[in-house]
């Protein structure tokens, strides 16, 4: 069951992570077009799963891109902490979106 608060936090996470990927990360392992398709936040707002889609590259490069983004999770989470006004910054987990 999602509440209005978890939906708002998910939207802020999606916007912040997208902006951080676009502006702050310059890792050459990140290839193709990376899109955040969905963010799921737990009801206690402590954890969030960010689903990513990588388009325009072969599957091996997609896995390398996902690995690079997971490696940069600290940078992404720090940037997210500046965007949120809540007490806790959710721990982010990045997963490939299998629905796409």
PDB file of N, CA and C in Angstrom:
ATOM      1  N   UNK A   1       0.846  -1.176   0.000  1.00  0.00           N
ATOM      2  CA  UNK A   1       0.000   0.000   0.000  1.00  0.00           C
ATOM      3  C   UNK A   1       0.889   1.236   0.000  1.00  0.00           C
ATOM      4  N   UNK A   2       0.692   2.070  -0.966  1.00  0.00           N
ATOM      5  CA  UNK A   2       1.483   3.291  -1.033  1.00  0.00           C
ATOM      6  C   UNK A   2       0.668   4.462  -0.513  1.00  0.00           C
ATOM      7  N   UNK A   3       1.353   5.300   0.196  1.00  0.00           N
ATOM      8  CA  UNK A   3       0.718   6.509   0.708  1.00  0.00           C
ATOM      9  C   UNK A   3       1.184   7.696  -0.117  1.00  0.00           C
ATOM     10  N   UNK A   4       0.562   8.807   0.124  1.00  0.00           N
ATOM     11  CA  UNK A   4       0.939  10.019  -0.596  1.00  0.00           C
ATOM     12  C   UNK A   4       2.392  10.401  -0.283  1.00  0.00           C
ATOM     13  N   UNK A   5       2.794  10.183   0.953  1.00  0.00           N
ATOM     14  CA  UNK A   5       4.164  10.523   1.355  1.00  0.00           C
ATOM     15  C   UNK A   5       5.195   9.652   0.638  1.00  0.00           C
ATOM     16  N   UNK A   6       4.954   8.337   0.584  1.00  0.00           N
ATOM     17  CA  UNK A   6       5.916   7.472  -0.098  1.00  0.00           C
ATOM     18  C   UNK A   6       5.960   7.766  -1.592  1.00  0.00           C
ATOM     19  N   UNK A   7       4.826   8.130  -2.178  1.00  0.00           N
ATOM     20  CA  UNK A   7       4.814   8.512  -3.592  1.00  0.00           C
ATOM     21  C   UNK A   7       5.620   9.785  -3.824  1.00  0.00           C
ATOM     22  N   UNK A   8       5.502  10.737  -2.914  1.00  0.00           N
ATOM     23  CA  UNK A   8       6.254  11.989  -3.040  1.00  0.00           C
ATOM     24  C   UNK A   8       7.756  11.737  -2.890  1.00  0.00           C
ATOM     25  N   UNK A   9       8.125  10.927  -1.905  1.00  0.00           N
ATOM     26  CA  UNK A   9       9.540  10.597  -1.704  1.00  0.00           C
ATOM     27  C   UNK A   9      10.071   9.866  -2.934  1.00  0.00           C
ATOM     28  N   UNK A  10       9.290   8.942  -3.489  1.00  0.00           N
ATOM     29  CA  UNK A  10       9.718   8.205  -4.682  1.00  0.00           C
ATOM     30  C   UNK A  10       9.939   9.164  -5.854  1.00  0.00           C
ATOM     31  N   UNK A  11       9.068  10.149  -6.005  1.00  0.00           N
ATOM     32  CA  UNK A  11       9.213  11.123  -7.084  1.00  0.00           C
ATOM     33  C   UNK A  11      10.477  11.962  -6.906  1.00  0.00           C
ATOM     34  N   UNK A  12      10.744  12.394  -5.679  1.00  0.00           N
ATOM     35  CA  UNK A  12      11.951  13.185  -5.401  1.00  0.00           C
ATOM     36  C   UNK A  12      13.204  12.353  -5.645  1.00  0.00           C
ATOM     37  N   UNK A  13      13.169  11.084  -5.240  1.00  0.00           N
ATOM     38  CA  UNK A  13      14.313  10.200  -5.473  1.00  0.00           C
ATOM     39  C   UNK A  13      14.552  10.038  -6.968  1.00  0.00           C
ATOM     40  N   UNK A  14      13.502   9.819  -7.723  1.00  0.00           N
ATOM     41  CA  UNK A  14      13.627   9.640  -9.168  1.00  0.00           C
ATOM     42  C   UNK A  14      14.236  10.878  -9.828  1.00  0.00           C
ATOM     43  N   UNK A  15      13.753  12.060  -9.457  1.00  0.00           N
ATOM     44  CA  UNK A  15      14.276  13.297 -10.036  1.00  0.00           C
ATOM     45  C   UNK A  15      15.726  13.538  -9.620  1.00  0.00           C
ATOM     46  N   UNK A  16      16.026  13.318  -8.351  1.00  0.00           N
ATOM     47  CA  UNK A  16      17.374  13.577  -7.856  1.00  0.00           C
ATOM     48  C   UNK A  16      18.393  12.611  -8.447  1.00  0.00           C
ATOM     49  N   UNK A  17      18.045  11.331  -8.503  1.00  0.00           N
ATOM     50  CA  UNK A  17      18.971  10.338  -9.066  1.00  0.00           C
ATOM     51  C   UNK A  17      19.179  10.609 -10.554  1.00  0.00           C
ATOM     52  N   UNK A  18      18.125  10.955 -11.266  1.00  0.00           N
ATOM     53  CA  UNK A  18      18.253  11.277 -12.689  1.00  0.00           C
ATOM     54  C   UNK A  18      19.190  12.460 -12.898  1.00  0.00           C
ATOM     55  N   UNK A  19      18.993  13.499 -12.113  1.00  0.00           N
ATOM     56  CA  UNK A  19      19.834  14.694 -12.233  1.00  0.00           C
ATOM     57  C   UNK A  19      21.290  14.375 -11.886  1.00  0.00           C
ATOM     58  N   UNK A  20      21.503  13.580 -10.857  1.00  0.00           N
ATOM     59  CA  UNK A  20      22.861  13.219 -10.455  1.00  0.00           C
ATOM     60  C   UNK A  20      23.549  12.387 -11.528  1.00  0.00           C
ATOM     61  N   UNK A  21      22.830  11.426 -12.101  1.00  0.00           N
ATOM     62  CA  UNK A  21      23.410  10.617 -13.174  1.00  0.00           C
ATOM     63  C   UNK A  21      23.783  11.481 -14.371  1.00  0.00           C
ATOM     64  N   UNK A  22      22.982  12.467 -14.646  1.00  0.00           N
ATOM     65  CA  UNK A  22      23.206  13.323 -15.802  1.00  0.00           C
ATOM     66  C   UNK A  22      24.344  14.310 -15.585  1.00  0.00           C
ATOM     67  N   UNK A  23      24.454  14.873 -14.392  1.00  0.00           N
ATOM     68  CA  UNK A  23      25.393  15.979 -14.181  1.00  0.00           C
ATOM     69  C   UNK A  23      26.648  15.642 -13.384  1.00  0.00           C
ATOM     70  N   UNK A  24      26.567  14.719 -12.425  1.00  0.00           N
ATOM     71  CA  UNK A  24      27.694  14.516 -11.521  1.00  0.00           C
ATOM     72  C   UNK A  24      28.572  13.328 -11.847  1.00  0.00           C
ATOM     73  N   UNK A  25      28.036  12.338 -12.554  1.00  0.00           N
ATOM     74  CA  UNK A  25      28.812  11.130 -12.824  1.00  0.00           C
ATOM     75  C   UNK A  25      29.435  11.206 -14.208  1.00  0.00           C
ATOM     76  N   UNK A  26      30.726  10.965 -14.264  1.00  0.00           N
ATOM     77  CA  UNK A  26      31.424  10.968 -15.550  1.00  0.00           C
ATOM     78  C   UNK A  26      32.217   9.670 -15.723  1.00  0.00           C
ATOM     79  N   UNK A  27      31.663   8.589 -15.243  1.00  0.00           N
ATOM     80  CA  UNK A  27      32.299   7.280 -15.326  1.00  0.00           C
ATOM     81  C   UNK A  27      32.199   6.764 -16.762  1.00  0.00           C
ATOM     82  N   UNK A  28      33.318   6.395 -17.381  1.00  0.00           N
ATOM     83  CA  UNK A  28      33.257   5.912 -18.763  1.00  0.00           C
ATOM     84  C   UNK A  28      32.548   4.560 -18.895  1.00  0.00           C
ATOM     85  N   UNK A  29      32.324   3.856 -17.792  1.00  0.00           N
ATOM     86  CA  UNK A  29      31.612   2.583 -17.849  1.00  0.00           C
ATOM     87  C   UNK A  29      30.119   2.774 -18.066  1.00  0.00           C
ATOM     88  N   UNK A  30      29.615   3.980 -17.802  1.00  0.00           N
ATOM     89  CA  UNK A  30      28.188   4.261 -18.004  1.00  0.00           C
ATOM     90  C   UNK A  30      27.986   4.598 -19.466  1.00  0.00           C
ATOM     91  N   UNK A  31      27.314   3.696 -20.170  1.00  0.00           N
ATOM     92  CA  UNK A  31      27.113   3.836 -21.610  1.00  0.00           C
ATOM     93  C   UNK A  31      25.632   3.747 -21.921  1.00  0.00           C
ATOM     94  N   UNK A  32      25.280   4.226 -23.085  1.00  0.00           N
ATOM     95  CA  UNK A  32      23.895   4.142 -23.526  1.00  0.00           C
ATOM     96  C   UNK A  32      23.018   5.164 -22.831  1.00  0.00           C
ATOM     97  N   UNK A  33      21.731   5.005 -23.001  1.00  0.00           N
ATOM     98  CA  UNK A  33      20.747   5.892 -22.405  1.00  0.00           C
ATOM     99  C   UNK A  33      20.202   5.229 -21.145  1.00  0.00           C
ATOM    100  N   UNK A  34      20.486   5.824 -19.992  1.00  0.00           N
ATOM    101  CA  UNK A  34      20.045   5.284 -18.711  1.00  0.00           C
ATOM    102  C   UNK A  34      18.763   6.006 -18.315  1.00  0.00           C
ATOM    103  N   UNK A  35      17.721   5.224 -18.063  1.00  0.00           N
ATOM    104  CA  UNK A  35      16.429   5.773 -17.675  1.00  0.00           C
ATOM    105  C   UNK A  35      15.992   5.141 -16.369  1.00  0.00           C
ATOM    106  N   UNK A  36      15.514   5.956 -15.460  1.00  0.00           N
ATOM    107  CA  UNK A  36      14.949   5.437 -14.222  1.00  0.00           C
ATOM    108  C   UNK A  36      13.472   5.193 -14.488  1.00  0.00           C
ATOM    109  N   UNK A  37      13.075   3.943 -14.438  1.00  0.00           N
ATOM    110  CA  UNK A  37      11.706   3.598 -14.785  1.00  0.00           C
ATOM    111  C   UNK A  37      10.765   3.631 -13.592  1.00  0.00           C
ATOM    112  N   UNK A  38      11.274   3.278 -12.413  1.00  0.00           N
ATOM    113  CA  UNK A  38      10.406   3.207 -11.246  1.00  0.00           C
ATOM    114  C   UNK A  38      11.243   3.268  -9.975  1.00  0.00           C
ATOM    115  N   UNK A  39      10.641   3.792  -8.918  1.00  0.00           N
ATOM    116  CA  UNK A  39      11.267   3.803  -7.600  1.00  0.00           C
ATOM    117  C   UNK A  39      10.246   3.263  -6.608  1.00  0.00           C
ATOM    118  N   UNK A  40      10.645   2.262  -5.846  1.00  0.00           N
ATOM    119  CA  UNK A  40       9.785   1.694  -4.799  1.00  0.00           C
ATOM    120  C   UNK A  40      10.402   2.015  -3.444  1.00  0.00           C
ATOM    121  N   UNK A  41       9.628   2.653  -2.590  1.00  0.00           N
ATOM    122  CA  UNK A  41      10.085   3.059  -1.264  1.00  0.00           C
ATOM    123  C   UNK A  41       9.355   2.217  -0.229  1.00  0.00           C
ATOM    124  N   UNK A  42      10.081   1.743   0.774  1.00  0.00           N
ATOM    125  CA  UNK A  42       9.445   0.987   1.847  1.00  0.00           C
ATOM    126  C   UNK A  42       8.591   1.928   2.696  1.00  0.00           C
ATOM    127  N   UNK A  43       7.579   1.404   3.381  1.00  0.00           N
ATOM    128  CA  UNK A  43       6.695   2.267   4.177  1.00  0.00           C
ATOM    129  C   UNK A  43       7.413   3.049   5.280  1.00  0.00           C
ATOM    130  N   UNK A  44       8.520   2.521   5.810  1.00  0.00           N
ATOM    131  CA  UNK A  44       9.253   3.247   6.848  1.00  0.00           C
ATOM    132  C   UNK A  44      10.250   4.253   6.270  1.00  0.00           C
ATOM    133  N   UNK A  45      10.301   4.382   4.944  1.00  0.00           N
ATOM    134  CA  UNK A  45      11.149   5.344   4.220  1.00  0.00           C
ATOM    135  C   UNK A  45      12.638   5.122   4.447  1.00  0.00           C
ATOM    136  N   UNK A  46      13.037   3.930   4.829  1.00  0.00           N
ATOM    137  CA  UNK A  46      14.445   3.633   5.092  1.00  0.00           C
ATOM    138  C   UNK A  46      15.170   3.055   3.883  1.00  0.00           C
ATOM    139  N   UNK A  47      14.448   2.435   2.954  1.00  0.00           N
ATOM    140  CA  UNK A  47      15.073   1.805   1.799  1.00  0.00           C
ATOM    141  C   UNK A  47      14.266   2.125   0.551  1.00  0.00           C
ATOM    142  N   UNK A  48      14.985   2.177  -0.567  1.00  0.00           N
ATOM    143  CA  UNK A  48      14.322   2.403  -1.847  1.00  0.00           C
ATOM    144  C   UNK A  48      15.023   1.569  -2.914  1.00  0.00           C
ATOM    145  N   UNK A  49      14.225   0.987  -3.794  1.00  0.00           N
ATOM    146  CA  UNK A  49      14.755   0.241  -4.924  1.00  0.00           C
ATOM    147  C   UNK A  49      14.543   1.104  -6.155  1.00  0.00           C
ATOM    148  N   UNK A  50      15.634   1.396  -6.862  1.00  0.00           N
ATOM    149  CA  UNK A  50      15.587   2.213  -8.065  1.00  0.00           C
ATOM    150  C   UNK A  50      15.767   1.277  -9.254  1.00  0.00           C
ATOM    151  N   UNK A  51      14.763   1.228 -10.117  1.00  0.00           N
ATOM    152  CA  UNK A  51      14.811   0.366 -11.290  1.00  0.00           C
ATOM    153  C   UNK A  51      15.305   1.169 -12.482  1.00  0.00           C
ATOM    154  N   UNK A  52      16.335   0.642 -13.144  1.00  0.00           N
ATOM    155  CA  UNK A  52      16.978   1.326 -14.266  1.00  0.00           C
ATOM    156  C   UNK A  52      16.797   0.543 -15.551  1.00  0.00           C
ATOM    157  N   UNK A  53      16.730   1.283 -16.637  1.00  0.00           N
ATOM    158  CA  UNK A  53      16.706   0.695 -17.967  1.00  0.00           C
ATOM    159  C   UNK A  53      17.853   1.323 -18.748  1.00  0.00           C
ATOM    160  N   UNK A  54      18.671   0.482 -19.379  1.00  0.00           N
ATOM    161  CA  UNK A  54      19.790   0.962 -20.194  1.00  0.00           C
ATOM    162  C   UNK A  54      19.499   0.559 -21.634  1.00  0.00           C
ATOM    163  N   UNK A  55      19.410   1.543 -22.505  1.00  0.00           N
ATOM    164  CA  UNK A  55      19.028   1.305 -23.891  1.00  0.00           C
ATOM    165  C   UNK A  55      20.159   1.763 -24.809  1.00  0.00           C
ATOM    166  N   UNK A  56      20.333   1.051 -25.901  1.00  0.00           N
ATOM    167  CA  UNK A  56      21.281   1.472 -26.916  1.00  0.00           C
ATOM    168  C   UNK A  56      22.617   0.763 -26.885  1.00  0.00           C
ATOM    169  N   UNK A  57      22.777  -0.208 -26.001  1.00  0.00           N
ATOM    170  CA  UNK A  57      24.033  -0.952 -25.926  1.00  0.00           C
ATOM    171  C   UNK A  57      23.715  -2.437 -25.756  1.00  0.00           C
ATOM    172  N   UNK A  58      24.726  -3.265 -25.968  1.00  0.00           N
ATOM    173  CA  UNK A  58      24.540  -4.703 -25.828  1.00  0.00           C
ATOM    174  C   UNK A  58      24.421  -5.082 -24.342  1.00  0.00           C
ATOM    175  N   UNK A  59      23.936  -6.277 -24.045  1.00  0.00           N
ATOM    176  CA  UNK A  59      23.704  -6.691 -22.652  1.00  0.00           C
ATOM    177  C   UNK A  59      24.938  -6.628 -21.754  1.00  0.00           C
ATOM    178  N   UNK A  60      26.119  -6.916 -22.288  1.00  0.00           N
ATOM    179  CA  UNK A  60      27.330  -6.854 -21.456  1.00  0.00           C
ATOM    180  C   UNK A  60      27.594  -5.417 -21.005  1.00  0.00           C
ATOM    181  N   UNK A  61      27.385  -4.459 -21.896  1.00  0.00           N
ATOM    182  CA  UNK A  61      27.570  -3.046 -21.538  1.00  0.00           C
ATOM    183  C   UNK A  61      26.488  -2.584 -20.577  1.00  0.00           C
ATOM    184  N   UNK A  62      25.294  -3.153 -20.687  1.00  0.00           N
ATOM    185  CA  UNK A  62      24.225  -2.815 -19.745  1.00  0.00           C
ATOM    186  C   UNK A  62      24.605  -3.241 -18.330  1.00  0.00           C
ATOM    187  N   UNK A  63      25.171  -4.444 -18.204  1.00  0.00           N
ATOM    188  CA  UNK A  63      25.595  -4.933 -16.892  1.00  0.00           C
ATOM    189  C   UNK A  63      26.737  -4.088 -16.335  1.00  0.00           C
ATOM    190  N   UNK A  64      27.652  -3.671 -17.204  1.00  0.00           N
ATOM    191  CA  UNK A  64      28.763  -2.820 -16.779  1.00  0.00           C
ATOM    192  C   UNK A  64      28.260  -1.459 -16.315  1.00  0.00           C
ATOM    193  N   UNK A  65      27.265  -0.924 -17.009  1.00  0.00           N
ATOM    194  CA  UNK A  65      26.671   0.354 -16.615  1.00  0.00           C
ATOM    195  C   UNK A  65      25.998   0.233 -15.254  1.00  0.00           C
ATOM    196  N   UNK A  66      25.248  -0.837 -15.049  1.00  0.00           N
ATOM    197  CA  UNK A  66      24.584  -1.057 -13.763  1.00  0.00           C
ATOM    198  C   UNK A  66      25.607  -1.212 -12.638  1.00  0.00           C
ATOM    199  N   UNK A  67      26.697  -1.902 -12.916  1.00  0.00           N
ATOM    200  CA  UNK A  67      27.763  -2.067 -11.919  1.00  0.00           C
ATOM    201  C   UNK A  67      28.394  -0.721 -11.570  1.00  0.00           C
ATOM    202  N   UNK A  68      28.605   0.140 -12.569  1.00  0.00           N
ATOM    203  CA  UNK A  68      29.190   1.465 -12.328  1.00  0.00           C
ATOM    204  C   UNK A  68      28.251   2.333 -11.501  1.00  0.00           C
ATOM    205  N   UNK A  69      26.961   2.241 -11.764  1.00  0.00           N
ATOM    206  CA  UNK A  69      25.995   3.029 -11.001  1.00  0.00           C
ATOM    207  C   UNK A  69      25.922   2.530  -9.560  1.00  0.00           C
ATOM    208  N   UNK A  70      25.971   1.220  -9.371  1.00  0.00           N
ATOM    209  CA  UNK A  70      25.997   0.680  -8.011  1.00  0.00           C
ATOM    210  C   UNK A  70      27.262   1.121  -7.275  1.00  0.00           C
ATOM    211  N   UNK A  71      28.370   1.204  -8.002  1.00  0.00           N
ATOM    212  CA  UNK A  71      29.630   1.654  -7.402  1.00  0.00           C
ATOM    213  C   UNK A  71      29.542   3.118  -6.964  1.00  0.00           C
ATOM    214  N   UNK A  72      28.767   3.923  -7.674  1.00  0.00           N
ATOM    215  CA  UNK A  72      28.631   5.344  -7.369  1.00  0.00           C
ATOM    216  C   UNK A  72      27.453   5.627  -6.440  1.00  0.00           C
ATOM    217  N   UNK A  73      26.933   4.611  -5.787  1.00  0.00           N
ATOM    218  CA  UNK A  73      25.754   4.782  -4.937  1.00  0.00           C
ATOM    219  C   UNK A  73      25.979   5.799  -3.820  1.00  0.00           C
ATOM    220  N   UNK A  74      27.173   5.872  -3.279  1.00  0.00           N
ATOM    221  CA  UNK A  74      27.466   6.838  -2.218  1.00  0.00           C
ATOM    222  C   UNK A  74      27.335   8.271  -2.695  1.00  0.00           C
ATOM    223  N   UNK A  75      27.848   8.548  -3.883  1.00  0.00           N
ATOM    224  CA  UNK A  75      27.739   9.891  -4.456  1.00  0.00           C
ATOM    225  C   UNK A  75      26.280  10.231  -4.718  1.00  0.00           C
ATOM    226  N   UNK A  76      25.550   9.269  -5.248  1.00  0.00           N
ATOM    227  CA  UNK A  76      24.136   9.483  -5.551  1.00  0.00           C
ATOM    228  C   UNK A  76      23.335   9.696  -4.277  1.00  0.00           C
ATOM    229  N   UNK A  77      23.630   8.912  -3.253  1.00  0.00           N
ATOM    230  CA  UNK A  77      22.909   9.039  -1.992  1.00  0.00           C
ATOM    231  C   UNK A  77      23.222  10.361  -1.298  1.00  0.00           C
ATOM    232  N   UNK A  78      24.462  10.835  -1.382  1.00  0.00           N
ATOM    233  CA  UNK A  78      24.819  12.126  -0.806  1.00  0.00           C
ATOM    234  C   UNK A  78      24.058  13.253  -1.486  1.00  0.00           C
ATOM    235  N   UNK A  79      23.972  13.196  -2.810  1.00  0.00           N
ATOM    236  CA  UNK A  79      23.214  14.206  -3.549  1.00  0.00           C
ATOM    237  C   UNK A  79      21.730  14.132  -3.192  1.00  0.00           C
ATOM    238  N   UNK A  80      21.217  12.936  -2.990  1.00  0.00           N
ATOM    239  CA  UNK A  80      19.826  12.770  -2.603  1.00  0.00           C
ATOM    240  C   UNK A  80      19.572  13.379  -1.231  1.00  0.00           C
ATOM    241  N   UNK A  81      20.510  13.240  -0.325  1.00  0.00           N
ATOM    242  CA  UNK A  81      20.370  13.803   1.013  1.00  0.00           C
ATOM    243  C   UNK A  81      20.205  15.310   0.994  1.00  0.00           C
ATOM    244  N   UNK A  82      20.783  15.955   0.000  1.00  0.00           N
ATOM    245  CA  UNK A  82      20.633  17.404  -0.127  1.00  0.00           C
ATOM    246  C   UNK A  82      19.260  17.782  -0.683  1.00  0.00           C
ATOM    247  N   UNK A  83      18.609  16.846  -1.357  1.00  0.00           N
ATOM    248  CA  UNK A  83      17.301  17.118  -1.969  1.00  0.00           C
ATOM    249  C   UNK A  83      16.137  16.824  -1.031  1.00  0.00           C
ATOM    250  N   UNK A  84      16.343  15.923  -0.093  1.00  0.00           N
ATOM    251  CA  UNK A  84      15.264  15.521   0.805  1.00  0.00           C
ATOM    252  C   UNK A  84      15.249  16.367   2.068  1.00  0.00           C
ATOM    253  N   UNK A  85      14.063  16.540   2.608  1.00  0.00           N
ATOM    254  CA  UNK A  85      13.928  17.264   3.869  1.00  0.00           C
ATOM    255  C   UNK A  85      13.535  16.329   5.004  1.00  0.00           C
ATOM    256  N   UNK A  86      13.560  15.034   4.748  1.00  0.00           N
ATOM    257  CA  UNK A  86      13.182  14.079   5.781  1.00  0.00           C
ATOM    258  C   UNK A  86      14.359  13.805   6.711  1.00  0.00           C
ATOM    259  N   UNK A  87      14.067  13.162   7.808  1.00  0.00           N
ATOM    260  CA  UNK A  87      15.091  12.860   8.804  1.00  0.00           C
ATOM    261  C   UNK A  87      16.107  11.848   8.280  1.00  0.00           C
ATOM    262  N   UNK A  88      15.623  10.865   7.537  1.00  0.00           N
ATOM    263  CA  UNK A  88      16.478   9.805   7.036  1.00  0.00           C
ATOM    264  C   UNK A  88      16.544   9.850   5.515  1.00  0.00           C
ATOM    265  N   UNK A  89      17.707   9.510   4.996  1.00  0.00           N
ATOM    266  CA  UNK A  89      17.864   9.352   3.552  1.00  0.00           C
ATOM    267  C   UNK A  89      17.755   7.856   3.278  1.00  0.00           C
ATOM    268  N   UNK A  90      16.829   7.453   2.416  1.00  0.00           N
ATOM    269  CA  UNK A  90      16.669   6.020   2.157  1.00  0.00           C
ATOM    270  C   UNK A  90      17.937   5.412   1.566  1.00  0.00           C
ATOM    271  N   UNK A  91      18.228   4.190   1.974  1.00  0.00           N
ATOM    272  CA  UNK A  91      19.335   3.433   1.396  1.00  0.00           C
ATOM    273  C   UNK A  91      18.892   2.999   0.004  1.00  0.00           C
ATOM    274  N   UNK A  92      19.680   3.337  -1.008  1.00  0.00           N
ATOM    275  CA  UNK A  92      19.304   3.066  -2.375  1.00  0.00           C
ATOM    276  C   UNK A  92      19.884   1.730  -2.849  1.00  0.00           C
ATOM    277  N   UNK A  93      19.053   0.974  -3.541  1.00  0.00           N
ATOM    278  CA  UNK A  93      19.483  -0.260  -4.181  1.00  0.00           C
ATOM    279  C   UNK A  93      19.088  -0.156  -5.659  1.00  0.00           C
ATOM    280  N   UNK A  94      20.039  -0.383  -6.534  1.00  0.00           N
ATOM    281  CA  UNK A  94      19.808  -0.244  -7.965  1.00  0.00           C
ATOM    282  C   UNK A  94      19.636  -1.610  -8.605  1.00  0.00           C
ATOM    283  N   UNK A  95      18.558  -1.744  -9.376  1.00  0.00           N
ATOM    284  CA  UNK A  95      18.243  -2.995 -10.052  1.00  0.00           C
ATOM    285  C   UNK A  95      17.896  -2.708 -11.510  1.00  0.00           C
ATOM    286  N   UNK A  96      18.204  -3.679 -12.364  1.00  0.00           N
ATOM    287  CA  UNK A  96      17.812  -3.560 -13.765  1.00  0.00           C
ATOM    288  C   UNK A  96      16.319  -3.832 -13.872  1.00  0.00           C
ATOM    289  N   UNK A  97      15.636  -3.028 -14.672  1.00  0.00           N
ATOM    290  CA  UNK A  97      14.203  -3.210 -14.860  1.00  0.00           C
ATOM    291  C   UNK A  97      13.997  -4.313 -15.881  1.00  0.00           C
ATOM    292  N   UNK A  98      13.398  -5.398 -15.464  1.00  0.00           N
ATOM    293  CA  UNK A  98      13.197  -6.553 -16.335  1.00  0.00           C
ATOM    294  C   UNK A  98      11.932  -6.434 -17.174  1.00  0.00           C
ATOM    295  N   UNK A  99      11.080  -5.458 -16.868  1.00  0.00           N
ATOM    296  CA  UNK A  99       9.828  -5.297 -17.593  1.00  0.00           C
ATOM    297  C   UNK A  99      10.027  -4.639 -18.961  1.00  0.00           C
ATOM    298  N   UNK A 100      11.128  -3.933 -19.105  1.00  0.00           N
ATOM    299  CA  UNK A 100      11.362  -3.185 -20.351  1.00  0.00           C
ATOM    300  C   UNK A 100      11.990  -4.073 -21.393  1.00  0.00           C
TER     301      UNK A 100
END
